Amino acid sequence: MREILVRRSPLRGSRWLAPLTVCGCLAFSAFFEMIEWWAAVVGGPGAYDFLATQGDVWDTQWDMFLALVGATTALLLLSRAHDRQLGALEAQRRGPSGG
């Protein structure tokens, strides 16, 4: 999500990059939970085995909370390394002449 925003939007270096990255990850997580819900509705009683909630009524909330924690942790720990890799890739693409 971060790479898409850095490459395809004017957000590179913006203070909005990190929050919108987390929001995008949470939106994808919510979308996936909606797919699981749809599978439960369509599949009926057999869907519970497929969804593997193990009887946890908070499974959806846990999944989305952990998506939040994972996205935030990845941003905090890996953003600088990601920027360096994107910079090196961009320099390589420009070539030795710089153009």
N, C-alpha and C. Protein backbone atom coordinates (compact mmCIF):
# COMPACT_ATOMS: atom_id res chain seq x y z
N MET A 1 0.83 -1.18 0.00
CA MET A 1 0.00 0.00 0.00
C MET A 1 0.88 1.25 0.00
N ARG A 2 1.92 1.25 0.81
CA ARG A 2 2.81 2.41 0.88
C ARG A 2 3.49 2.67 -0.46
N GLU A 3 3.95 1.60 -1.09
CA GLU A 3 4.64 1.76 -2.36
C GLU A 3 3.71 2.31 -3.44
N ILE A 4 2.48 1.85 -3.45
CA ILE A 4 1.51 2.38 -4.41
C ILE A 4 1.33 3.88 -4.19
N LEU A 5 1.17 4.28 -2.93
CA LEU A 5 0.98 5.69 -2.64
C LEU A 5 2.22 6.52 -2.97
N VAL A 6 3.40 5.97 -2.72
CA VAL A 6 4.63 6.71 -3.02
C VAL A 6 4.81 6.86 -4.52
N ARG A 7 4.55 5.81 -5.26
CA ARG A 7 4.80 5.84 -6.71
C ARG A 7 3.70 6.51 -7.52
N ARG A 8 2.45 6.41 -7.08
CA ARG A 8 1.32 6.84 -7.92
C ARG A 8 0.57 8.06 -7.40
N SER A 9 1.04 8.67 -6.35
CA SER A 9 0.32 9.84 -5.82
C SER A 9 1.35 10.91 -5.44
N PRO A 10 0.90 12.10 -5.17
CA PRO A 10 1.83 13.17 -4.76
C PRO A 10 2.16 13.13 -3.27
N LEU A 11 2.02 11.98 -2.64
CA LEU A 11 2.20 11.89 -1.19
C LEU A 11 3.63 11.62 -0.74
N ARG A 12 4.55 11.40 -1.65
CA ARG A 12 5.93 11.10 -1.26
C ARG A 12 6.48 12.24 -0.40
N GLY A 13 6.89 11.90 0.80
CA GLY A 13 7.42 12.89 1.73
C GLY A 13 6.34 13.65 2.49
N SER A 14 5.09 13.33 2.27
CA SER A 14 3.99 14.01 2.94
C SER A 14 3.71 13.40 4.30
N ARG A 15 3.21 14.21 5.20
CA ARG A 15 2.84 13.68 6.52
C ARG A 15 1.59 12.80 6.44
N TRP A 16 0.87 12.83 5.33
CA TRP A 16 -0.32 12.02 5.14
C TRP A 16 0.00 10.60 4.66
N LEU A 17 1.23 10.36 4.25
CA LEU A 17 1.59 9.05 3.71
C LEU A 17 1.35 7.92 4.71
N ALA A 18 1.86 8.05 5.91
CA ALA A 18 1.73 6.98 6.91
C ALA A 18 0.27 6.72 7.31
N PRO A 19 -0.51 7.77 7.67
CA PRO A 19 -1.90 7.48 8.05
C PRO A 19 -2.72 6.88 6.92
N LEU A 20 -2.51 7.35 5.69
CA LEU A 20 -3.28 6.79 4.58
C LEU A 20 -2.84 5.37 4.25
N THR A 21 -1.58 5.05 4.49
CA THR A 21 -1.11 3.68 4.31
C THR A 21 -1.82 2.76 5.30
N VAL A 22 -1.86 3.17 6.55
CA VAL A 22 -2.54 2.36 7.57
C VAL A 22 -4.03 2.24 7.24
N CYS A 23 -4.65 3.34 6.81
CA CYS A 23 -6.08 3.29 6.45
C CYS A 23 -6.32 2.33 5.28
N GLY A 24 -5.42 2.33 4.31
CA GLY A 24 -5.56 1.41 3.18
C GLY A 24 -5.46 -0.04 3.63
N CYS A 25 -4.51 -0.31 4.52
CA CYS A 25 -4.37 -1.68 5.04
C CYS A 25 -5.60 -2.10 5.83
N LEU A 26 -6.14 -1.18 6.63
CA LEU A 26 -7.36 -1.50 7.38
C LEU A 26 -8.55 -1.69 6.45
N ALA A 27 -8.63 -0.90 5.39
CA ALA A 27 -9.72 -1.06 4.43
C ALA A 27 -9.65 -2.43 3.76
N PHE A 28 -8.43 -2.85 3.40
CA PHE A 28 -8.29 -4.17 2.79
C PHE A 28 -8.66 -5.26 3.78
N SER A 29 -8.27 -5.10 5.03
CA SER A 29 -8.62 -6.07 6.06
C SER A 29 -10.14 -6.15 6.24
N ALA A 30 -10.80 -5.00 6.27
CA ALA A 30 -12.26 -4.99 6.40
C ALA A 30 -12.92 -5.64 5.19
N PHE A 31 -12.39 -5.39 4.01
CA PHE A 31 -12.92 -6.02 2.80
C PHE A 31 -12.80 -7.54 2.89
N PHE A 32 -11.66 -8.02 3.35
CA PHE A 32 -11.47 -9.46 3.50
C PHE A 32 -12.45 -10.03 4.52
N GLU A 33 -12.68 -9.31 5.60
CA GLU A 33 -13.65 -9.78 6.60
C GLU A 33 -15.06 -9.82 6.02
N MET A 34 -15.37 -8.90 5.13
CA MET A 34 -16.68 -8.93 4.45
C MET A 34 -16.79 -10.16 3.56
N ILE A 35 -15.69 -10.53 2.91
CA ILE A 35 -15.69 -11.76 2.09
C ILE A 35 -15.93 -12.97 2.98
N GLU A 36 -15.28 -13.00 4.15
CA GLU A 36 -15.50 -14.11 5.09
C GLU A 36 -16.95 -14.15 5.55
N TRP A 37 -17.53 -13.00 5.83
CA TRP A 37 -18.92 -12.94 6.24
C TRP A 37 -19.83 -13.47 5.13
N TRP A 38 -19.56 -13.04 3.90
CA TRP A 38 -20.34 -13.51 2.76
C TRP A 38 -20.22 -15.04 2.62
N ALA A 39 -19.01 -15.57 2.82
CA ALA A 39 -18.82 -17.02 2.74
C ALA A 39 -19.63 -17.73 3.82
N ALA A 40 -19.71 -17.12 5.00
CA ALA A 40 -20.49 -17.72 6.08
C ALA A 40 -21.98 -17.71 5.75
N VAL A 41 -22.45 -16.64 5.13
CA VAL A 41 -23.86 -16.55 4.77
C VAL A 41 -24.19 -17.56 3.68
N VAL A 42 -23.34 -17.65 2.67
CA VAL A 42 -23.58 -18.56 1.55
C VAL A 42 -23.37 -20.01 1.96
N GLY A 43 -22.33 -20.25 2.74
CA GLY A 43 -21.97 -21.62 3.09
C GLY A 43 -22.80 -22.25 4.18
N GLY A 44 -23.50 -21.44 4.93
CA GLY A 44 -24.33 -21.99 6.00
C GLY A 44 -23.50 -22.58 7.12
N PRO A 45 -24.01 -23.63 7.76
CA PRO A 45 -23.32 -24.22 8.93
C PRO A 45 -21.90 -24.74 8.62
N GLY A 46 -21.66 -25.22 7.40
CA GLY A 46 -20.34 -25.73 7.06
C GLY A 46 -19.28 -24.65 6.90
N ALA A 47 -19.71 -23.40 6.81
CA ALA A 47 -18.76 -22.30 6.61
C ALA A 47 -17.90 -22.06 7.85
N TYR A 48 -18.41 -22.39 9.01
CA TYR A 48 -17.64 -22.16 10.23
C TYR A 48 -16.36 -22.98 10.27
N ASP A 49 -16.39 -24.17 9.69
CA ASP A 49 -15.17 -24.97 9.60
C ASP A 49 -14.18 -24.32 8.64
N PHE A 50 -14.69 -23.76 7.56
CA PHE A 50 -13.85 -23.09 6.57
C PHE A 50 -13.21 -21.83 7.15
N LEU A 51 -13.96 -21.07 7.93
CA LEU A 51 -13.47 -19.80 8.44
C LEU A 51 -12.48 -19.97 9.58
N ALA A 52 -12.45 -21.10 10.21
CA ALA A 52 -11.48 -21.42 11.25
C ALA A 52 -11.45 -20.39 12.37
N THR A 53 -12.61 -19.99 12.85
CA THR A 53 -12.66 -19.04 13.96
C THR A 53 -12.37 -19.71 15.30
N GLN A 54 -12.37 -21.01 15.33
CA GLN A 54 -12.12 -21.79 16.54
C GLN A 54 -13.00 -21.35 17.70
N GLY A 55 -14.23 -20.94 17.37
CA GLY A 55 -15.17 -20.56 18.42
C GLY A 55 -14.94 -19.17 18.99
N ASP A 56 -14.05 -18.40 18.42
CA ASP A 56 -13.75 -17.06 18.92
C ASP A 56 -14.73 -16.06 18.30
N VAL A 57 -15.63 -15.52 19.11
CA VAL A 57 -16.60 -14.57 18.59
C VAL A 57 -15.96 -13.24 18.20
N TRP A 58 -14.76 -13.00 18.67
CA TRP A 58 -14.03 -11.76 18.37
C TRP A 58 -13.02 -11.93 17.26
N ASP A 59 -13.13 -13.00 16.47
CA ASP A 59 -12.14 -13.29 15.43
C ASP A 59 -11.99 -12.13 14.43
N THR A 60 -13.10 -11.58 13.98
CA THR A 60 -13.06 -10.48 13.02
C THR A 60 -12.35 -9.27 13.61
N GLN A 61 -12.68 -8.94 14.85
CA GLN A 61 -12.06 -7.78 15.49
C GLN A 61 -10.57 -8.01 15.72
N TRP A 62 -10.20 -9.23 16.11
CA TRP A 62 -8.79 -9.54 16.30
C TRP A 62 -8.02 -9.42 14.98
N ASP A 63 -8.63 -9.95 13.91
CA ASP A 63 -7.97 -9.88 12.61
C ASP A 63 -7.71 -8.44 12.20
N MET A 64 -8.70 -7.58 12.38
CA MET A 64 -8.54 -6.19 11.99
C MET A 64 -7.59 -5.44 12.93
N PHE A 65 -7.63 -5.75 14.21
CA PHE A 65 -6.69 -5.14 15.16
C PHE A 65 -5.25 -5.52 14.80
N LEU A 66 -5.04 -6.78 14.49
CA LEU A 66 -3.69 -7.22 14.14
C LEU A 66 -3.24 -6.65 12.80
N ALA A 67 -4.17 -6.38 11.89
CA ALA A 67 -3.82 -5.67 10.65
C ALA A 67 -3.35 -4.26 10.98
N LEU A 68 -4.01 -3.60 11.92
CA LEU A 68 -3.60 -2.27 12.37
C LEU A 68 -2.22 -2.31 13.00
N VAL A 69 -2.00 -3.25 13.89
CA VAL A 69 -0.70 -3.37 14.56
C VAL A 69 0.40 -3.69 13.55
N GLY A 70 0.13 -4.61 12.63
CA GLY A 70 1.12 -4.98 11.62
C GLY A 70 1.46 -3.84 10.69
N ALA A 71 0.45 -3.10 10.22
CA ALA A 71 0.70 -1.98 9.32
C ALA A 71 1.50 -0.88 10.03
N THR A 72 1.13 -0.58 11.26
CA THR A 72 1.83 0.46 12.01
C THR A 72 3.27 0.05 12.31
N THR A 73 3.46 -1.18 12.73
CA THR A 73 4.80 -1.68 13.03
C THR A 73 5.68 -1.67 11.78
N ALA A 74 5.12 -2.13 10.67
CA ALA A 74 5.89 -2.15 9.42
C ALA A 74 6.29 -0.74 9.02
N LEU A 75 5.39 0.22 9.16
CA LEU A 75 5.72 1.60 8.82
C LEU A 75 6.84 2.13 9.71
N LEU A 76 6.73 1.88 11.00
CA LEU A 76 7.74 2.39 11.93
C LEU A 76 9.11 1.76 11.72
N LEU A 77 9.14 0.47 11.42
CA LEU A 77 10.41 -0.24 11.32
C LEU A 77 11.01 -0.27 9.92
N LEU A 78 10.19 -0.17 8.89
CA LEU A 78 10.69 -0.44 7.55
C LEU A 78 10.60 0.74 6.57
N SER A 79 10.02 1.86 6.96
CA SER A 79 9.84 2.97 6.02
C SER A 79 11.15 3.50 5.47
N ARG A 80 12.16 3.68 6.32
CA ARG A 80 13.45 4.19 5.84
C ARG A 80 14.10 3.24 4.86
N ALA A 81 14.07 1.95 5.18
CA ALA A 81 14.66 0.95 4.27
C ALA A 81 13.89 0.94 2.95
N HIS A 82 12.59 1.07 3.00
CA HIS A 82 11.78 1.11 1.80
C HIS A 82 12.12 2.33 0.95
N ASP A 83 12.29 3.48 1.59
CA ASP A 83 12.67 4.69 0.86
C ASP A 83 14.04 4.53 0.19
N ARG A 84 14.98 3.91 0.90
CA ARG A 84 16.31 3.67 0.30
C ARG A 84 16.21 2.76 -0.91
N GLN A 85 15.42 1.70 -0.81
CA GLN A 85 15.26 0.78 -1.93
C GLN A 85 14.60 1.46 -3.12
N LEU A 86 13.59 2.26 -2.86
CA LEU A 86 12.93 2.98 -3.95
C LEU A 86 13.88 3.99 -4.58
N GLY A 87 14.70 4.66 -3.77
CA GLY A 87 15.68 5.60 -4.30
C GLY A 87 16.71 4.91 -5.16
N ALA A 88 17.20 3.75 -4.72
CA ALA A 88 18.18 2.99 -5.50
C ALA A 88 17.56 2.50 -6.80
N LEU A 89 16.33 2.07 -6.76
CA LEU A 89 15.65 1.61 -7.96
C LEU A 89 15.46 2.76 -8.94
N GLU A 90 15.10 3.91 -8.42
CA GLU A 90 14.92 5.09 -9.27
C GLU A 90 16.25 5.52 -9.90
N ALA A 91 17.33 5.49 -9.13
CA ALA A 91 18.66 5.84 -9.64
C ALA A 91 19.10 4.84 -10.71
N GLN A 92 18.84 3.57 -10.49
CA GLN A 92 19.18 2.54 -11.45
C GLN A 92 18.40 2.73 -12.75
N ARG A 93 17.14 3.10 -12.62
CA ARG A 93 16.31 3.31 -13.79
C ARG A 93 16.78 4.51 -14.61
N ARG A 94 17.25 5.56 -13.93
CA ARG A 94 17.76 6.74 -14.63
C ARG A 94 19.05 6.46 -15.36
N GLY A 95 19.82 5.52 -14.83
CA GLY A 95 21.09 5.16 -15.46
C GLY A 95 22.24 6.04 -15.00
N PRO A 96 23.45 5.73 -15.46
CA PRO A 96 24.64 6.44 -15.00
C PRO A 96 24.68 7.90 -15.46
N SER A 97 23.99 8.24 -16.52
CA SER A 97 24.01 9.62 -17.01
C SER A 97 23.10 10.53 -16.22
N GLY A 98 22.20 9.92 -15.40
CA GLY A 98 21.30 10.72 -14.57
C GLY A 98 20.08 11.20 -15.33
N GLY A 99 19.87 10.76 -16.55
CA GLY A 99 18.72 11.27 -17.30
C GLY A 99 17.85 10.21 -17.72
